Amino acid sequence: MMSKVSILDQEKRALFSRRFSDDFKKKKVKELETNLVSINEICKTYGVSRTAVYKWIYKFSIMAKKNVRQVVEAKSDTQKIKMLEERIKELERVIGKKQLEIEFKDKMIEIAGIDKKKLSSKLSSGTPTTDPNTGKK
């Protein structure tokens, strides 16, 4: 029976002795160039270092061979910024709606306050009232 230490050692060796085919690397570089994936996604998915991915880019990228500078992760940043801007717009809309509700309620309270004053002045000026229990004045 193998000990836990030797199993861990074998797993570590397997990670370090792993090799990716040139076709696989070319495919991933092409996906990077077309902005289908980001470098971080490749690193997390396949357990590869950023350095290794950049080496793949320098070796297999058509853009690198043409000496064209490419910003690899700009799309993900751009998408994140757009998403945050949309979130800000949504929150501003919600705040505006709440502000309108507050102003409406304040106006209703104000109107109700005026009506209460008018009602209390009519009652104090001698308007006859009836007792709801007896029906008498």
Protein backbone atom coordinates (compact mmCIF):
# COMPACT_ATOMS: atom_id res chain seq x y z
CA MET A 1 0.00 0.00 0.00
CA MET A 2 1.31 3.45 -0.95
CA SER A 3 1.69 6.16 1.65
CA LYS A 4 0.02 9.54 1.36
CA VAL A 5 3.37 11.27 0.90
CA SER A 6 4.32 9.20 -2.12
CA ILE A 7 0.90 9.78 -3.73
CA LEU A 8 1.33 13.54 -3.32
CA ASP A 9 4.85 13.32 -4.77
CA GLN A 10 3.50 11.48 -7.80
CA GLU A 11 0.78 14.11 -8.31
CA LYS A 12 3.38 16.90 -8.14
CA ARG A 13 5.61 15.10 -10.61
CA ALA A 14 2.67 14.63 -12.96
CA LEU A 15 1.98 18.37 -12.90
CA PHE A 16 5.61 19.26 -13.64
CA SER A 17 6.13 16.62 -16.29
CA ARG A 18 3.00 17.56 -18.20
CA ARG A 19 3.42 18.61 -21.81
CA PHE A 20 0.98 20.24 -24.17
CA SER A 21 1.12 19.56 -27.88
CA ASP A 22 1.97 22.34 -30.31
CA ASP A 23 -1.50 21.97 -31.85
CA PHE A 24 -3.10 22.55 -28.45
CA LYS A 25 -0.91 25.61 -27.85
CA LYS A 26 -1.68 27.02 -31.31
CA LYS A 27 -5.39 26.52 -30.70
CA LYS A 28 -5.24 28.38 -27.37
CA VAL A 29 -3.19 31.22 -28.89
CA LYS A 30 -5.74 31.55 -31.68
CA GLU A 31 -8.53 31.71 -29.08
CA LEU A 32 -6.58 34.45 -27.29
CA GLU A 33 -6.14 36.41 -30.51
CA THR A 34 -9.86 36.26 -31.26
CA ASN A 35 -10.68 37.18 -27.62
CA LEU A 36 -12.64 33.99 -26.96
CA VAL A 37 -10.68 33.37 -23.75
CA SER A 38 -8.38 35.33 -21.49
CA ILE A 39 -4.95 34.38 -20.22
CA ASN A 40 -6.36 34.00 -16.71
CA GLU A 41 -9.01 31.56 -17.95
CA ILE A 42 -6.39 29.40 -19.66
CA CYS A 43 -4.19 29.46 -16.56
CA LYS A 44 -7.02 28.41 -14.26
CA THR A 45 -8.53 25.82 -16.58
CA TYR A 46 -5.33 24.00 -17.52
CA GLY A 47 -3.13 24.77 -14.52
CA VAL A 48 -0.57 26.62 -16.63
CA SER A 49 1.52 29.58 -15.52
CA ARG A 50 1.07 32.98 -17.14
CA THR A 51 4.69 32.81 -18.25
CA ALA A 52 4.04 29.59 -20.17
CA VAL A 53 1.01 31.11 -21.90
CA TYR A 54 3.04 34.17 -22.91
CA LYS A 55 5.74 31.87 -24.29
CA TRP A 56 3.04 30.16 -26.38
CA ILE A 57 1.92 33.57 -27.65
CA TYR A 58 5.46 34.61 -28.62
CA LYS A 59 6.09 31.28 -30.33
CA PHE A 60 2.78 30.68 -32.14
CA SER A 61 1.04 34.03 -32.52
CA ILE A 62 0.65 35.37 -36.05
CA MET A 63 0.53 38.88 -34.60
CA ALA A 64 3.84 38.42 -32.81
CA LYS A 65 5.50 37.26 -36.02
CA LYS A 66 4.23 40.36 -37.83
CA ASN A 67 5.63 42.43 -34.95
CA VAL A 68 2.15 43.76 -34.13
CA ARG A 69 1.40 44.62 -30.54
CA GLN A 70 -1.79 43.03 -29.25
CA VAL A 71 -3.57 43.81 -26.01
CA VAL A 72 -4.64 40.37 -24.91
CA GLU A 73 -7.08 41.04 -22.05
CA ALA A 74 -8.56 44.39 -23.02
CA LYS A 75 -11.91 42.90 -23.96
CA SER A 76 -12.51 41.44 -20.52
CA ASP A 77 -11.66 44.79 -18.93
CA THR A 78 -13.90 46.59 -21.40
CA GLN A 79 -16.75 44.21 -20.69
CA LYS A 80 -16.27 44.70 -16.96
CA ILE A 81 -16.35 48.49 -17.33
CA LYS A 82 -19.50 48.33 -19.48
CA MET A 83 -21.15 46.04 -16.96
CA LEU A 84 -20.28 48.43 -14.12
CA GLU A 85 -21.57 51.42 -16.10
CA GLU A 86 -24.85 49.60 -16.72
CA ARG A 87 -25.08 48.81 -13.01
CA ILE A 88 -24.52 52.50 -12.18
CA LYS A 89 -27.30 53.50 -14.61
CA GLU A 90 -29.65 50.96 -13.03
CA LEU A 91 -28.88 52.21 -9.52
CA GLU A 92 -29.37 55.84 -10.61
CA ARG A 93 -32.73 54.88 -12.10
CA VAL A 94 -33.77 53.18 -8.85
CA ILE A 95 -32.63 56.20 -6.81
CA GLY A 96 -34.61 58.53 -9.10
CA LYS A 97 -37.71 56.38 -8.72
CA LYS A 98 -37.35 56.35 -4.93
CA GLN A 99 -36.86 60.12 -4.89
CA LEU A 100 -40.10 60.57 -6.85
CA GLU A 101 -41.91 58.32 -4.39
CA ILE A 102 -40.57 60.36 -1.46
CA GLU A 103 -41.61 63.64 -3.07
CA PHE A 104 -45.07 62.21 -3.82
CA LYS A 105 -45.51 61.04 -0.22
CA ASP A 106 -44.30 64.39 1.13
CA LYS A 107 -46.85 66.18 -1.08
CA MET A 108 -49.61 63.85 0.09
CA ILE A 109 -48.69 64.52 3.72
CA GLU A 110 -48.69 68.24 2.98
CA ILE A 111 -52.12 68.03 1.35
CA ALA A 112 -53.44 65.92 4.20
CA GLY A 113 -52.08 68.48 6.68
CA ILE A 114 -53.94 71.33 4.92
CA ASP A 115 -57.16 69.32 4.92
CA LYS A 116 -56.78 68.57 8.61
CA LYS A 117 -56.44 72.29 9.36
CA LYS A 118 -59.52 73.14 7.31
CA LEU A 119 -61.48 70.36 8.96
CA SER A 120 -60.43 71.40 12.47
CA SER A 121 -61.37 75.04 11.78
CA LYS A 122 -64.82 74.02 10.53
CA LEU A 123 -65.41 71.88 13.61
CA SER A 124 -64.31 74.62 16.01
CA SER A 125 -66.49 77.27 14.32
CA GLY A 126 -69.64 75.74 15.66
CA THR A 127 -70.56 73.18 13.04
CA PRO A 128 -73.00 70.80 14.69
CA THR A 129 -71.73 67.27 15.17
CA THR A 130 -73.65 64.14 15.95
CA ASP A 131 -72.69 61.48 18.41
CA PRO A 132 -72.28 58.24 16.43
CA ASN A 133 -73.50 56.16 19.39
CA THR A 134 -76.72 58.06 20.16
CA GLY A 135 -77.37 59.85 16.90
CA LYS A 136 -78.04 63.06 18.84
CA LYS A 137 -76.40 66.45 18.51
